[in-house]
Amino acid sequence: MICSYCGQENSSYAKTCSFCEVPLKVKRPKLNGFMYLELCERPFSVLVSFHTYDLLVLLRLVREKRTSCYHLMRTVQKAPDGVVVPDDIKGLAESEYRLYTARMKVIEGILIDRMGYKPKRIDDKLLERLKEKIEKD
């Protein structure tokens, strides 16, 4: 069995690489290429298995949704005096904002573990450069 990290040949019965001691059965994250917002609801153990590029795209989607939830929450809170907004609608807007904030922090935490930082802004330019580097290697 060939180690996916150092490229050394190992016996088929080995559990770890004889050179770098990496577990041989570990699957490296693969680029998915198609991310959608609902994937952020997956548990941490699944999110960790996503490729870094995919996590950046997912973080971008979650941040956009969180921003729209924030604007909705502020609109509901600043309703004119004559308009009565039910408490359950106010609560729903606030809970959605908190939910996406928590999901955003989980994804940012994974990226901090991998990259050492969380990007302030994820724009098309950043994603294009990263995609070029991935395809080049």
N, C-alpha and C. Protein backbone atom coordinates (compact mmCIF):
# COMPACT_ATOMS: atom_id res chain seq x y z
N MET A 1 0.85 -1.17 0.00
CA MET A 1 0.00 0.00 0.00
C MET A 1 0.90 1.24 0.00
N ILE A 2 0.59 2.19 -0.83
CA ILE A 2 1.41 3.40 -0.96
C ILE A 2 0.81 4.50 -0.08
N CYS A 3 1.67 5.15 0.69
CA CYS A 3 1.25 6.25 1.56
C CYS A 3 0.87 7.45 0.70
N SER A 4 -0.30 8.05 0.98
CA SER A 4 -0.77 9.20 0.20
C SER A 4 -0.03 10.48 0.57
N TYR A 5 0.75 10.46 1.65
CA TYR A 5 1.48 11.66 2.06
C TYR A 5 2.93 11.65 1.56
N CYS A 6 3.68 10.57 1.88
CA CYS A 6 5.10 10.55 1.52
C CYS A 6 5.39 9.71 0.28
N GLY A 7 4.46 8.86 -0.15
CA GLY A 7 4.63 8.05 -1.35
C GLY A 7 5.42 6.77 -1.14
N GLN A 8 5.73 6.42 0.09
CA GLN A 8 6.50 5.22 0.38
C GLN A 8 5.63 3.97 0.26
N GLU A 9 6.26 2.89 -0.19
CA GLU A 9 5.58 1.60 -0.29
C GLU A 9 5.54 0.96 1.10
N ASN A 10 4.41 0.40 1.47
CA ASN A 10 4.23 -0.27 2.76
C ASN A 10 3.60 -1.62 2.52
N SER A 11 3.72 -2.51 3.50
CA SER A 11 3.09 -3.82 3.35
C SER A 11 1.58 -3.66 3.40
N SER A 12 0.89 -4.59 2.82
CA SER A 12 -0.58 -4.49 2.75
C SER A 12 -1.23 -4.68 4.12
N TYR A 13 -0.48 -5.21 5.09
CA TYR A 13 -1.01 -5.43 6.43
C TYR A 13 -0.74 -4.26 7.37
N ALA A 14 0.09 -3.32 6.95
CA ALA A 14 0.47 -2.20 7.81
C ALA A 14 -0.71 -1.26 8.02
N LYS A 15 -0.82 -0.74 9.22
CA LYS A 15 -1.88 0.23 9.52
C LYS A 15 -1.36 1.65 9.41
N THR A 16 -0.06 1.82 9.63
CA THR A 16 0.56 3.14 9.50
C THR A 16 1.76 3.04 8.58
N CYS A 17 2.13 4.16 8.01
CA CYS A 17 3.28 4.22 7.10
C CYS A 17 4.56 3.98 7.90
N SER A 18 5.44 3.18 7.35
CA SER A 18 6.69 2.87 8.04
C SER A 18 7.64 4.07 8.05
N PHE A 19 7.44 5.03 7.16
CA PHE A 19 8.32 6.20 7.10
C PHE A 19 7.78 7.38 7.92
N CYS A 20 6.55 7.79 7.63
CA CYS A 20 6.02 9.00 8.28
C CYS A 20 4.98 8.71 9.37
N GLU A 21 4.61 7.45 9.54
CA GLU A 21 3.70 7.00 10.59
C GLU A 21 2.27 7.55 10.48
N VAL A 22 1.88 7.92 9.28
CA VAL A 22 0.52 8.38 9.02
C VAL A 22 -0.37 7.14 8.85
N PRO A 23 -1.58 7.15 9.42
CA PRO A 23 -2.49 6.02 9.18
C PRO A 23 -2.76 5.86 7.69
N LEU A 24 -2.63 4.66 7.18
CA LEU A 24 -2.76 4.41 5.74
C LEU A 24 -4.21 4.41 5.26
N LYS A 25 -5.16 4.18 6.12
CA LYS A 25 -6.56 4.11 5.72
C LYS A 25 -7.28 5.45 5.75
N VAL A 26 -6.57 6.52 6.13
CA VAL A 26 -7.19 7.84 6.23
C VAL A 26 -7.49 8.37 4.83
N LYS A 27 -8.72 8.83 4.64
CA LYS A 27 -9.11 9.41 3.36
C LYS A 27 -8.87 10.91 3.40
N ARG A 28 -8.23 11.40 2.40
CA ARG A 28 -7.99 12.84 2.30
C ARG A 28 -9.23 13.50 1.69
N PRO A 29 -9.53 14.72 2.12
CA PRO A 29 -10.71 15.40 1.56
C PRO A 29 -10.58 15.60 0.06
N LYS A 30 -11.67 15.39 -0.65
CA LYS A 30 -11.69 15.61 -2.09
C LYS A 30 -12.60 16.77 -2.41
N LEU A 31 -12.26 17.47 -3.46
CA LEU A 31 -13.03 18.63 -3.89
C LEU A 31 -14.40 18.20 -4.38
N ASN A 32 -15.44 18.78 -3.79
CA ASN A 32 -16.81 18.46 -4.18
C ASN A 32 -17.21 19.33 -5.36
N GLY A 33 -16.98 20.62 -5.24
CA GLY A 33 -17.28 21.53 -6.33
C GLY A 33 -18.70 22.06 -6.34
N PHE A 34 -19.62 21.40 -5.68
CA PHE A 34 -21.02 21.87 -5.64
C PHE A 34 -21.45 21.95 -4.18
N MET A 35 -21.54 23.14 -3.67
CA MET A 35 -21.92 23.35 -2.28
C MET A 35 -23.23 24.13 -2.24
N TYR A 36 -24.07 23.80 -1.28
CA TYR A 36 -25.32 24.51 -1.09
C TYR A 36 -25.52 24.73 0.40
N LEU A 37 -26.33 25.69 0.75
CA LEU A 37 -26.48 26.17 2.12
C LEU A 37 -26.86 25.08 3.12
N GLU A 38 -27.69 24.14 2.72
CA GLU A 38 -28.18 23.12 3.65
C GLU A 38 -27.06 22.21 4.16
N LEU A 39 -25.92 22.19 3.48
CA LEU A 39 -24.80 21.37 3.93
C LEU A 39 -24.23 21.86 5.26
N CYS A 40 -24.48 23.11 5.60
CA CYS A 40 -23.97 23.65 6.87
C CYS A 40 -24.67 23.01 8.06
N GLU A 41 -25.77 22.33 7.83
CA GLU A 41 -26.51 21.67 8.91
C GLU A 41 -25.91 20.32 9.28
N ARG A 42 -24.94 19.87 8.52
CA ARG A 42 -24.30 18.59 8.79
C ARG A 42 -23.51 18.66 10.10
N PRO A 43 -23.33 17.53 10.76
CA PRO A 43 -22.57 17.54 12.02
C PRO A 43 -21.09 17.84 11.77
N PHE A 44 -20.41 18.19 12.83
CA PHE A 44 -18.99 18.55 12.77
C PHE A 44 -18.15 17.46 12.12
N SER A 45 -18.43 16.20 12.45
CA SER A 45 -17.64 15.09 11.91
C SER A 45 -17.73 15.02 10.38
N VAL A 46 -18.83 15.45 9.81
CA VAL A 46 -18.98 15.46 8.35
C VAL A 46 -18.33 16.71 7.77
N LEU A 47 -18.52 17.86 8.43
CA LEU A 47 -17.93 19.10 7.93
C LEU A 47 -16.41 19.02 7.88
N VAL A 48 -15.80 18.35 8.84
CA VAL A 48 -14.35 18.22 8.87
C VAL A 48 -13.83 17.46 7.65
N SER A 49 -14.64 16.58 7.11
CA SER A 49 -14.22 15.79 5.96
C SER A 49 -14.30 16.55 4.64
N PHE A 50 -14.87 17.75 4.64
CA PHE A 50 -14.97 18.55 3.43
C PHE A 50 -13.62 19.15 3.07
N HIS A 51 -13.40 19.36 1.80
CA HIS A 51 -12.18 20.02 1.31
C HIS A 51 -12.19 21.49 1.76
N THR A 52 -11.02 22.06 1.95
CA THR A 52 -10.91 23.44 2.42
C THR A 52 -11.61 24.40 1.45
N TYR A 53 -11.46 24.18 0.17
CA TYR A 53 -12.13 25.03 -0.83
C TYR A 53 -13.64 24.98 -0.64
N ASP A 54 -14.17 23.77 -0.46
CA ASP A 54 -15.61 23.61 -0.27
C ASP A 54 -16.07 24.30 1.02
N LEU A 55 -15.24 24.23 2.06
CA LEU A 55 -15.59 24.91 3.31
C LEU A 55 -15.62 26.43 3.13
N LEU A 56 -14.71 26.95 2.33
CA LEU A 56 -14.71 28.40 2.06
C LEU A 56 -15.98 28.81 1.31
N VAL A 57 -16.38 28.02 0.34
CA VAL A 57 -17.62 28.31 -0.40
C VAL A 57 -18.81 28.23 0.54
N LEU A 58 -18.84 27.21 1.38
CA LEU A 58 -19.94 27.04 2.34
C LEU A 58 -19.96 28.19 3.34
N LEU A 59 -18.81 28.60 3.81
CA LEU A 59 -18.74 29.74 4.73
C LEU A 59 -19.28 31.00 4.08
N ARG A 60 -18.97 31.19 2.82
CA ARG A 60 -19.48 32.35 2.09
C ARG A 60 -21.02 32.32 2.04
N LEU A 61 -21.59 31.16 1.76
CA LEU A 61 -23.05 31.02 1.71
C LEU A 61 -23.68 31.27 3.08
N VAL A 62 -23.06 30.73 4.12
CA VAL A 62 -23.60 30.89 5.48
C VAL A 62 -23.53 32.36 5.90
N ARG A 63 -22.44 33.03 5.58
CA ARG A 63 -22.32 34.45 5.93
C ARG A 63 -23.37 35.29 5.21
N GLU A 64 -23.64 34.97 3.94
CA GLU A 64 -24.67 35.69 3.19
C GLU A 64 -26.05 35.49 3.83
N LYS A 65 -26.36 34.25 4.19
CA LYS A 65 -27.65 33.94 4.83
C LYS A 65 -27.75 34.61 6.19
N ARG A 66 -26.66 34.60 6.95
CA ARG A 66 -26.64 35.24 8.27
C ARG A 66 -26.90 36.74 8.13
N THR A 67 -26.30 37.36 7.13
CA THR A 67 -26.52 38.79 6.89
C THR A 67 -27.97 39.07 6.55
N SER A 68 -28.58 38.25 5.72
CA SER A 68 -29.99 38.48 5.38
C SER A 68 -30.88 38.25 6.61
N CYS A 69 -30.53 37.28 7.45
CA CYS A 69 -31.29 37.05 8.69
C CYS A 69 -31.15 38.24 9.63
N TYR A 70 -29.97 38.83 9.68
CA TYR A 70 -29.74 39.99 10.53
C TYR A 70 -30.61 41.16 10.07
N HIS A 71 -30.63 41.40 8.75
CA HIS A 71 -31.45 42.51 8.23
C HIS A 71 -32.94 42.27 8.50
N LEU A 72 -33.38 41.04 8.38
CA LEU A 72 -34.77 40.70 8.68
C LEU A 72 -35.07 40.93 10.16
N MET A 73 -34.16 40.49 11.02
CA MET A 73 -34.34 40.66 12.46
C MET A 73 -34.41 42.14 12.83
N ARG A 74 -33.54 42.95 12.24
CA ARG A 74 -33.53 44.39 12.54
C ARG A 74 -34.80 45.06 11.99
N THR A 75 -35.29 44.61 10.85
CA THR A 75 -36.52 45.17 10.29
C THR A 75 -37.70 44.88 11.21
N VAL A 76 -37.76 43.67 11.72
CA VAL A 76 -38.84 43.29 12.63
C VAL A 76 -38.72 44.07 13.94
N GLN A 77 -37.52 44.25 14.44
CA GLN A 77 -37.32 44.98 15.69
C GLN A 77 -37.65 46.46 15.56
N LYS A 78 -37.41 47.02 14.38
CA LYS A 78 -37.63 48.46 14.18
C LYS A 78 -38.97 48.75 13.50
N ALA A 79 -39.91 47.88 13.66
CA ALA A 79 -41.24 48.09 13.07
C ALA A 79 -41.85 49.38 13.63
N PRO A 80 -42.57 50.11 12.81
CA PRO A 80 -43.21 51.34 13.28
C PRO A 80 -44.13 51.07 14.46
N ASP A 81 -44.38 52.11 15.24
CA ASP A 81 -45.19 51.96 16.46
C ASP A 81 -46.60 51.43 16.18
N GLY A 82 -47.18 51.78 15.07
CA GLY A 82 -48.55 51.35 14.76
C GLY A 82 -48.64 49.89 14.33
N VAL A 83 -47.53 49.30 13.95
CA VAL A 83 -47.52 47.92 13.47
C VAL A 83 -47.21 46.98 14.63
N VAL A 84 -48.06 45.99 14.81
CA VAL A 84 -47.85 45.02 15.87
C VAL A 84 -47.26 43.76 15.25
N VAL A 85 -46.07 43.43 15.70
CA VAL A 85 -45.39 42.22 15.22
C VAL A 85 -45.49 41.17 16.32
N PRO A 86 -46.07 40.02 16.02
CA PRO A 86 -46.19 38.97 17.05
C PRO A 86 -44.82 38.55 17.59
N ASP A 87 -44.82 38.16 18.86
CA ASP A 87 -43.57 37.77 19.52
C ASP A 87 -42.95 36.54 18.88
N ASP A 88 -43.77 35.63 18.36
CA ASP A 88 -43.19 34.43 17.75
C ASP A 88 -42.43 34.74 16.47
N ILE A 89 -42.85 35.76 15.74
CA ILE A 89 -42.13 36.18 14.54
C ILE A 89 -40.81 36.84 14.94
N LYS A 90 -40.84 37.66 15.98
CA LYS A 90 -39.60 38.26 16.47
C LYS A 90 -38.63 37.17 16.94
N GLY A 91 -39.16 36.22 17.66
CA GLY A 91 -38.33 35.12 18.16
C GLY A 91 -37.74 34.28 17.03
N LEU A 92 -38.54 34.05 15.99
CA LEU A 92 -38.07 33.27 14.85
C LEU A 92 -36.92 33.99 14.14
N ALA A 93 -37.06 35.28 13.94
CA ALA A 93 -36.01 36.05 13.28
C ALA A 93 -34.71 36.01 14.09
N GLU A 94 -34.83 36.17 15.39
CA GLU A 94 -33.64 36.15 16.25
C GLU A 94 -33.02 34.75 16.31
N SER A 95 -33.84 33.71 16.37
CA SER A 95 -33.30 32.36 16.45
C SER A 95 -32.60 31.96 15.15
N GLU A 96 -33.13 32.37 14.01
CA GLU A 96 -32.48 32.10 12.73
C GLU A 96 -31.10 32.77 12.68
N TYR A 97 -31.04 34.01 13.14
CA TYR A 97 -29.76 34.73 13.15
C TYR A 97 -28.76 34.01 14.06
N ARG A 98 -29.19 33.60 15.24
CA ARG A 98 -28.29 32.89 16.17
C ARG A 98 -27.84 31.55 15.60
N LEU A 99 -28.76 30.86 14.94
CA LEU A 99 -28.46 29.57 14.35
C LEU A 99 -27.36 29.68 13.28
N TYR A 100 -27.50 30.64 12.37
CA TYR A 100 -26.49 30.81 11.32
C TYR A 100 -25.19 31.37 11.87
N THR A 101 -25.27 32.13 12.96
CA THR A 101 -24.04 32.60 13.61
C THR A 101 -23.26 31.41 14.17
N ALA A 102 -23.95 30.49 14.81
CA ALA A 102 -23.29 29.31 15.37
C ALA A 102 -22.70 28.44 14.27
N ARG A 103 -23.44 28.24 13.18
CA ARG A 103 -22.93 27.44 12.07
C ARG A 103 -21.72 28.09 11.43
N MET A 104 -21.75 29.40 11.33
CA MET A 104 -20.62 30.14 10.78
C MET A 104 -19.38 29.93 11.64
N LYS A 105 -19.55 29.99 12.96
CA LYS A 105 -18.42 29.82 13.87
C LYS A 105 -17.82 28.42 13.80
N VAL A 106 -18.66 27.41 13.59
CA VAL A 106 -18.15 26.03 13.46
C VAL A 106 -17.26 25.93 12.22
N ILE A 107 -17.74 26.43 11.10
CA ILE A 107 -16.97 26.36 9.85
C ILE A 107 -15.69 27.19 9.97
N GLU A 108 -15.79 28.37 10.57
CA GLU A 108 -14.60 29.20 10.77
C GLU A 108 -13.59 28.48 11.66
N GLY A 109 -14.06 27.77 12.67
CA GLY A 109 -13.16 27.03 13.55
C GLY A 109 -12.40 25.95 12.81
N ILE A 110 -13.07 25.24 11.92
CA ILE A 110 -12.41 24.21 11.12
C ILE A 110 -11.35 24.86 10.22
N LEU A 111 -11.70 26.00 9.61
CA LEU A 111 -10.74 26.68 8.75
C LEU A 111 -9.55 27.22 9.53
N ILE A 112 -9.77 27.68 10.75
CA ILE A 112 -8.66 28.14 11.59
C ILE A 112 -7.72 26.98 11.89
N ASP A 113 -8.29 25.81 12.17
CA ASP A 113 -7.46 24.63 12.43
C ASP A 113 -6.61 24.27 11.22
N ARG A 114 -7.17 24.42 10.03
CA ARG A 114 -6.46 24.03 8.81
C ARG A 114 -5.52 25.11 8.29
N MET A 115 -6.00 26.35 8.26
CA MET A 115 -5.25 27.42 7.62
C MET A 115 -4.51 28.32 8.60
N GLY A 116 -4.92 28.29 9.86
CA GLY A 116 -4.31 29.16 10.85
C GLY A 116 -5.01 30.49 11.00
N TYR A 117 -6.02 30.73 10.16
CA TYR A 117 -6.79 31.98 10.24
C TYR A 117 -8.14 31.76 9.56
N LYS A 118 -9.04 32.72 9.78
CA LYS A 118 -10.31 32.70 9.05
C LYS A 118 -10.31 33.93 8.14
N PRO A 119 -10.64 33.74 6.89
CA PRO A 119 -10.63 34.88 5.97
C PRO A 119 -11.75 35.87 6.31
N LYS A 120 -11.39 37.14 6.30
CA LYS A 120 -12.40 38.17 6.58
C LYS A 120 -13.44 38.23 5.47
N ARG A 121 -12.93 38.13 4.25
CA ARG A 121 -13.83 38.23 3.10
C ARG A 121 -13.51 37.11 2.12
N ILE A 122 -14.54 36.45 1.65
CA ILE A 122 -14.37 35.38 0.67
C ILE A 122 -15.02 35.86 -0.62
N ASP A 123 -14.19 36.32 -1.54
CA ASP A 123 -14.72 36.83 -2.79
C ASP A 123 -14.34 35.89 -3.94
N ASP A 124 -14.82 36.22 -5.13
CA ASP A 124 -14.56 35.37 -6.29
C ASP A 124 -13.07 35.28 -6.60
N LYS A 125 -12.35 36.38 -6.38
CA LYS A 125 -10.92 36.40 -6.68
C LYS A 125 -10.16 35.39 -5.81
N LEU A 126 -10.47 35.35 -4.52
CA LEU A 126 -9.84 34.39 -3.61
C LEU A 126 -10.14 32.95 -4.04
N LEU A 127 -11.39 32.69 -4.33
CA LEU A 127 -11.80 31.34 -4.72
C LEU A 127 -11.19 30.92 -6.06
N GLU A 128 -11.10 31.85 -7.00
CA GLU A 128 -10.51 31.53 -8.30
C GLU A 128 -9.03 31.19 -8.16
N ARG A 129 -8.30 31.98 -7.37
CA ARG A 129 -6.86 31.71 -7.18
C ARG A 129 -6.65 30.37 -6.50
N LEU A 130 -7.44 30.08 -5.49
CA LEU A 130 -7.31 28.81 -4.79
C LEU A 130 -7.65 27.64 -5.72
N LYS A 131 -8.68 27.79 -6.53
CA LYS A 131 -9.08 26.74 -7.47
C LYS A 131 -7.96 26.49 -8.48
N GLU A 132 -7.31 27.55 -8.95
CA GLU A 132 -6.20 27.40 -9.89
C GLU A 132 -5.04 26.63 -9.26
N LYS A 133 -4.75 26.93 -8.00
CA LYS A 133 -3.67 26.23 -7.29
C LYS A 133 -4.00 24.76 -7.10
N ILE A 134 -5.26 24.47 -6.79
CA ILE A 134 -5.69 23.08 -6.59
C ILE A 134 -5.58 22.31 -7.89
N GLU A 135 -6.05 22.90 -9.00
CA GLU A 135 -6.02 22.22 -10.29
C GLU A 135 -4.60 22.07 -10.82
N LYS A 136 -3.72 23.01 -10.44
CA LYS A 136 -2.33 22.96 -10.88
C LYS A 136 -1.60 21.77 -10.27
N ASP A 137 -1.89 21.49 -9.00
CA ASP A 137 -1.24 20.38 -8.31
C ASP A 137 -1.95 19.11 -8.64
